[in-house]
Amino acid sequence: MPRLTRDEMDEFLGTRGVLMRIATVDEAGDPHVTPIWFVHEAGRIWFTPREQSAWLGHVRAHPRIAVTIDEEATPYRKVIVEGDAEVVHDLGEDDAWRDRYRRIAKRYTSEAGAESYVTNTIDQRRALLALDLEGCTVRTWRMPRAGEPRTGIWHRRYYADGTRYAAEADGVE
């Protein structure tokens, strides 16, 4: 499977409109997945739960999370991150990071729409969380490009021995 280069990953994580799905564990130990907005800046993924977000409580109790960021269209780029979320600014400290919140909103709506969203929800307390990519496990994937082996679409372990793609992946004619 072709991995994204660092530049490709940075470009993808800057793509407007791409959602992140955060996986947390609730108080009963059950998985919880939520699609959310994010921004990638300074080697970190930044995201903002509101005070009433169930997953904020999950992260407080169990900061180890996983996130996936992917796209539906080719080249089907994917970034999967596993690590400990950091509460950078707690509830009520919104004024300290409101500009970052605006940048998050601008990834998903127009500048005017983002400003309206921030203004209309300014009384909804949020926390600012981050994943530092340097301290996390990061896996990436994309479809093979022209000239790359077509068997790169899947990891070798997915090709059953004795099949055409297994032989091609193994370099057997």
Protein backbone atom coordinates (compact mmCIF):
# COMPACT_ATOMS: atom_id res chain seq x y z
CA MET A 1 0.00 0.00 0.00
CA PRO A 2 1.51 3.33 -0.93
CA ARG A 3 1.91 5.60 2.05
CA LEU A 4 1.54 9.33 1.84
CA THR A 5 4.77 11.29 1.99
CA ARG A 6 4.94 13.93 4.71
CA ASP A 7 4.18 16.64 2.12
CA GLU A 8 1.24 14.61 0.73
CA MET A 9 -0.11 14.08 4.24
CA ASP A 10 0.21 17.78 5.09
CA GLU A 11 -1.55 18.73 1.84
CA PHE A 12 -4.34 16.22 2.47
CA LEU A 13 -4.86 17.32 6.08
CA GLY A 14 -5.23 20.88 4.76
CA THR A 15 -7.97 19.90 2.30
CA ARG A 16 -11.17 21.84 2.95
CA GLY A 17 -14.25 19.92 4.03
CA VAL A 18 -12.58 16.65 5.01
CA LEU A 19 -14.02 15.39 8.30
CA MET A 20 -12.24 13.60 11.09
CA ARG A 21 -13.82 10.72 12.96
CA ILE A 22 -12.73 10.45 16.58
CA ALA A 23 -12.96 7.10 18.37
CA THR A 24 -13.19 7.18 22.15
CA VAL A 25 -14.19 4.72 24.85
CA ASP A 26 -17.20 5.53 27.03
CA GLU A 27 -17.64 4.87 30.75
CA ALA A 28 -18.94 1.33 30.06
CA GLY A 29 -15.91 0.53 27.89
CA ASP A 30 -17.93 0.70 24.69
CA PRO A 31 -16.55 2.35 21.54
CA HIS A 32 -17.89 5.75 20.51
CA VAL A 33 -17.18 7.34 17.11
CA THR A 34 -18.06 10.93 16.22
CA PRO A 35 -17.41 12.88 12.98
CA ILE A 36 -15.98 16.31 13.79
CA TRP A 37 -14.24 19.35 12.32
CA PHE A 38 -10.50 19.80 12.78
CA VAL A 39 -7.50 21.78 11.61
CA HIS A 40 -3.92 20.60 11.10
CA GLU A 41 -1.39 23.20 12.24
CA ALA A 42 2.11 23.13 13.72
CA GLY A 43 2.40 19.32 13.51
CA ARG A 44 -0.78 18.80 15.50
CA ILE A 45 -4.41 17.99 14.81
CA TRP A 46 -6.63 20.44 16.71
CA PHE A 47 -10.30 19.80 17.51
CA THR A 48 -12.98 21.28 19.75
CA PRO A 49 -15.65 19.51 21.79
CA ARG A 50 -18.47 21.53 23.26
CA GLU A 51 -19.07 21.28 26.98
CA GLN A 52 -21.98 18.85 26.49
CA SER A 53 -20.13 16.57 24.04
CA ALA A 54 -20.19 13.01 25.39
CA TRP A 55 -16.79 12.34 23.88
CA LEU A 56 -15.17 15.14 25.91
CA GLY A 57 -15.91 13.15 29.05
CA HIS A 58 -14.58 10.03 27.37
CA VAL A 59 -11.29 11.77 26.54
CA ARG A 60 -10.96 13.12 30.07
CA ALA A 61 -11.36 9.59 31.48
CA HIS A 62 -9.34 7.83 28.76
CA PRO A 63 -7.14 10.21 26.72
CA ARG A 64 -6.00 7.40 24.38
CA ILE A 65 -8.00 7.89 21.18
CA ALA A 66 -7.92 7.02 17.51
CA VAL A 67 -8.92 9.27 14.62
CA THR A 68 -9.42 8.64 10.94
CA ILE A 69 -9.35 11.28 8.27
CA ASP A 70 -10.23 10.05 4.80
CA GLU A 71 -11.83 11.01 1.53
CA GLU A 72 -14.53 9.36 -0.54
CA ALA A 73 -13.04 10.16 -3.97
CA THR A 74 -9.83 8.94 -5.55
CA PRO A 75 -7.03 8.74 -4.64
CA TYR A 76 -8.79 7.58 -1.43
CA ARG A 77 -6.23 9.14 0.89
CA LYS A 78 -6.43 8.06 4.50
CA VAL A 79 -4.69 9.11 7.69
CA ILE A 80 -5.17 7.09 10.87
CA VAL A 81 -3.74 8.42 14.12
CA GLU A 82 -3.60 6.70 17.50
CA GLY A 83 -2.37 8.56 20.55
CA ASP A 84 -3.16 10.52 23.67
CA ALA A 85 -5.31 13.61 23.25
CA GLU A 86 -4.16 16.67 25.15
CA VAL A 87 -6.57 19.21 26.58
CA VAL A 88 -4.67 22.34 25.56
CA HIS A 89 -7.36 24.79 26.72
CA ASP A 90 -10.14 23.73 29.04
CA LEU A 91 -13.75 24.88 29.05
CA GLY A 92 -14.13 28.59 29.59
CA GLU A 93 -10.76 29.50 28.02
CA ASP A 94 -12.34 30.01 24.58
CA ASP A 95 -11.09 33.59 24.20
CA ALA A 96 -7.48 32.35 24.31
CA TRP A 97 -7.91 30.28 21.13
CA ARG A 98 -10.88 31.76 19.28
CA ASP A 99 -8.76 32.54 16.19
CA ARG A 100 -7.90 28.84 15.85
CA TYR A 101 -11.60 28.06 16.20
CA ARG A 102 -12.30 30.46 13.32
CA ARG A 103 -9.68 28.68 11.20
CA ILE A 104 -11.34 25.35 11.97
CA ALA A 105 -14.74 26.71 10.91
CA LYS A 106 -13.28 28.24 7.72
CA ARG A 107 -12.21 24.75 6.58
CA TYR A 108 -15.89 23.80 6.35
CA THR A 109 -17.69 26.99 5.39
CA SER A 110 -17.06 30.40 3.86
CA GLU A 111 -15.27 33.12 5.78
CA ALA A 112 -18.58 34.91 6.41
CA GLY A 113 -20.20 31.62 7.39
CA ALA A 114 -17.39 30.84 9.79
CA GLU A 115 -17.63 34.26 11.41
CA SER A 116 -21.40 33.86 11.74
CA TYR A 117 -20.97 30.39 13.24
CA VAL A 118 -18.43 31.64 15.79
CA THR A 119 -20.58 34.67 16.67
CA ASN A 120 -23.79 32.65 16.98
CA THR A 121 -22.22 29.96 19.17
CA ILE A 122 -19.84 32.12 21.21
CA ASP A 123 -21.80 31.35 24.40
CA GLN A 124 -21.29 27.58 23.96
CA ARG A 125 -18.20 26.75 25.97
CA ARG A 126 -15.64 24.52 24.26
CA ALA A 127 -12.35 22.91 25.07
CA LEU A 128 -9.43 22.81 22.63
CA LEU A 129 -7.79 19.42 22.23
CA ALA A 130 -4.80 18.34 20.17
CA LEU A 131 -2.96 15.28 18.95
CA ASP A 132 0.75 15.87 18.45
CA LEU A 133 1.59 13.76 15.39
CA GLU A 134 5.21 13.30 16.54
CA GLY A 135 4.07 11.46 19.66
CA CYS A 136 1.41 9.34 17.96
CA THR A 137 1.22 6.28 15.75
CA VAL A 138 0.37 7.59 12.28
CA ARG A 139 -0.57 5.35 9.36
CA THR A 140 -1.38 6.66 5.90
CA TRP A 141 -2.58 5.14 2.68
CA ARG A 142 -3.55 6.10 -0.86
CA MET A 143 -4.31 4.37 -4.13
CA PRO A 144 -1.33 3.48 -6.31
CA ARG A 145 -0.39 6.07 -8.94
CA ALA A 146 0.43 5.39 -12.58
CA GLY A 147 3.61 3.34 -12.72
CA GLU A 148 3.22 1.96 -9.19
CA PRO A 149 2.29 -1.72 -8.74
CA ARG A 150 -1.48 -2.20 -8.92
CA THR A 151 -1.20 -4.73 -6.12
CA GLY A 152 -0.39 -1.77 -3.89
CA ILE A 153 -4.12 -1.22 -3.47
CA TRP A 154 -4.07 -3.65 -0.53
CA HIS A 155 -1.43 -4.85 1.89
CA ARG A 156 0.13 -8.17 0.79
CA ARG A 157 -1.52 -10.02 3.69
CA TYR A 158 -4.91 -9.54 2.03
CA TYR A 159 -3.97 -11.48 -1.12
CA ALA A 160 -4.66 -15.20 -0.68
CA ASP A 161 -1.68 -17.37 -1.56
CA GLY A 162 -1.96 -18.91 -5.01
CA THR A 163 -3.98 -16.04 -6.48
CA ARG A 164 -2.93 -13.83 -9.37
CA TYR A 165 -2.44 -10.72 -7.22
CA ALA A 166 -0.47 -12.65 -4.59
CA ALA A 167 1.91 -13.87 -7.29
CA GLU A 168 2.18 -10.39 -8.77
CA ALA A 169 2.80 -8.85 -5.32
CA ASP A 170 5.50 -11.46 -4.70
CA GLY A 171 7.14 -10.70 -8.07
CA VAL A 172 6.36 -14.18 -9.44
CA GLU A 173 5.57 -14.39 -13.12
